[in-house]
Amino acid sequence: MEIRLSTKDAYEIATRHESTSRGNGKEMDQRNSSIGRQLGRDNTGKASAGIRSRDACKNGTSRGKLWITKSGKLVRSNA
């Protein structure tokens, strides 16, 4: 969203989307959304911004930069 929308709009949409979530799932999504928005900002205006952002998210997942829930706990994505 950050590639195509303003920072404010991307934040509001992501936050509104999680308004009914709870617990670790909500925390995970909010953290990952924040990281994803930053990746989008970093790639805005570059050729293939969507592909670059997608690849950065995949790399972040394998390198433990994102968050997952595992056995009910919030942990780094490479755990």
Protein backbone atom coordinates (compact mmCIF):
# COMPACT_ATOMS: atom_id res chain seq x y z
CA MET A 1 0.00 0.00 0.00
CA GLU A 2 2.83 2.37 0.81
CA ILE A 3 3.97 2.30 -2.82
CA ARG A 4 0.61 3.51 -4.13
CA LEU A 5 -0.89 5.43 -1.20
CA SER A 6 0.31 8.05 1.22
CA THR A 7 2.01 6.94 4.42
CA LYS A 8 -0.99 8.17 6.40
CA ASP A 9 -3.54 6.31 4.25
CA ALA A 10 -1.52 3.07 4.29
CA TYR A 11 -1.25 3.26 8.09
CA GLU A 12 -4.96 3.98 8.56
CA ILE A 13 -6.06 1.13 6.29
CA ALA A 14 -3.74 -1.39 7.96
CA THR A 15 -4.76 -0.25 11.43
CA ARG A 16 -8.47 -0.32 10.61
CA HIS A 17 -8.06 -3.80 9.12
CA GLU A 18 -6.75 -5.04 12.48
CA SER A 19 -9.34 -3.26 14.63
CA THR A 20 -11.19 -6.47 15.52
CA SER A 21 -8.10 -8.65 15.96
CA ARG A 22 -6.75 -9.50 19.39
CA GLY A 23 -3.72 -10.90 21.17
CA ASN A 24 -0.53 -12.10 19.55
CA GLY A 25 -2.14 -12.28 16.10
CA LYS A 26 -2.93 -8.58 16.22
CA GLU A 27 0.51 -7.69 17.57
CA MET A 28 2.17 -9.78 14.86
CA ASP A 29 0.13 -8.16 12.10
CA GLN A 30 0.76 -4.64 13.40
CA ARG A 31 4.51 -5.21 13.62
CA ASN A 32 4.70 -6.82 10.19
CA SER A 33 2.53 -4.10 8.66
CA SER A 34 4.83 -1.43 10.02
CA ILE A 35 7.86 -3.21 8.57
CA GLY A 36 6.08 -3.74 5.25
CA ARG A 37 5.13 -0.07 5.00
CA GLN A 38 8.76 0.89 5.54
CA LEU A 39 9.86 -1.53 2.82
CA GLY A 40 7.30 0.04 0.50
CA ARG A 41 8.57 3.55 1.30
CA ASP A 42 12.13 2.39 0.64
CA ASN A 43 11.15 1.16 -2.84
CA THR A 44 8.66 3.85 -3.91
CA GLY A 45 9.67 5.44 -7.19
CA LYS A 46 12.07 2.67 -8.12
CA ALA A 47 11.59 0.43 -11.13
CA SER A 48 9.63 -2.70 -10.18
CA ALA A 49 8.81 -1.28 -6.71
CA GLY A 50 6.21 -3.99 -6.03
CA ILE A 51 8.57 -6.80 -6.92
CA ARG A 52 11.40 -5.26 -4.91
CA SER A 53 9.12 -4.87 -1.88
CA ARG A 54 7.82 -8.43 -2.20
CA ASP A 55 11.37 -9.77 -2.40
CA ALA A 56 12.40 -7.67 0.61
CA CYS A 57 9.51 -9.18 2.60
CA LYS A 58 10.55 -12.71 1.60
CA ASN A 59 14.14 -11.99 2.59
CA GLY A 60 12.99 -10.43 5.85
CA THR A 61 11.00 -13.55 6.66
CA SER A 62 13.93 -15.90 6.14
CA ARG A 63 16.29 -13.61 8.06
CA GLY A 64 14.04 -13.22 11.10
CA LYS A 65 13.11 -9.59 10.47
CA LEU A 66 9.36 -10.31 10.56
CA TRP A 67 7.12 -11.92 13.17
CA ILE A 68 5.07 -15.13 13.38
CA THR A 69 3.07 -16.86 16.07
CA LYS A 70 4.43 -20.25 17.06
CA SER A 71 2.80 -22.37 19.74
CA GLY A 72 0.79 -19.29 20.73
CA LYS A 73 3.86 -17.10 21.19
CA LEU A 74 5.09 -14.16 19.14
CA VAL A 75 8.53 -15.01 17.74
CA ARG A 76 10.88 -13.89 14.96
CA SER A 77 10.07 -15.35 11.55
CA ASN A 78 13.17 -17.53 11.38
CA ALA A 79 12.44 -19.26 14.70
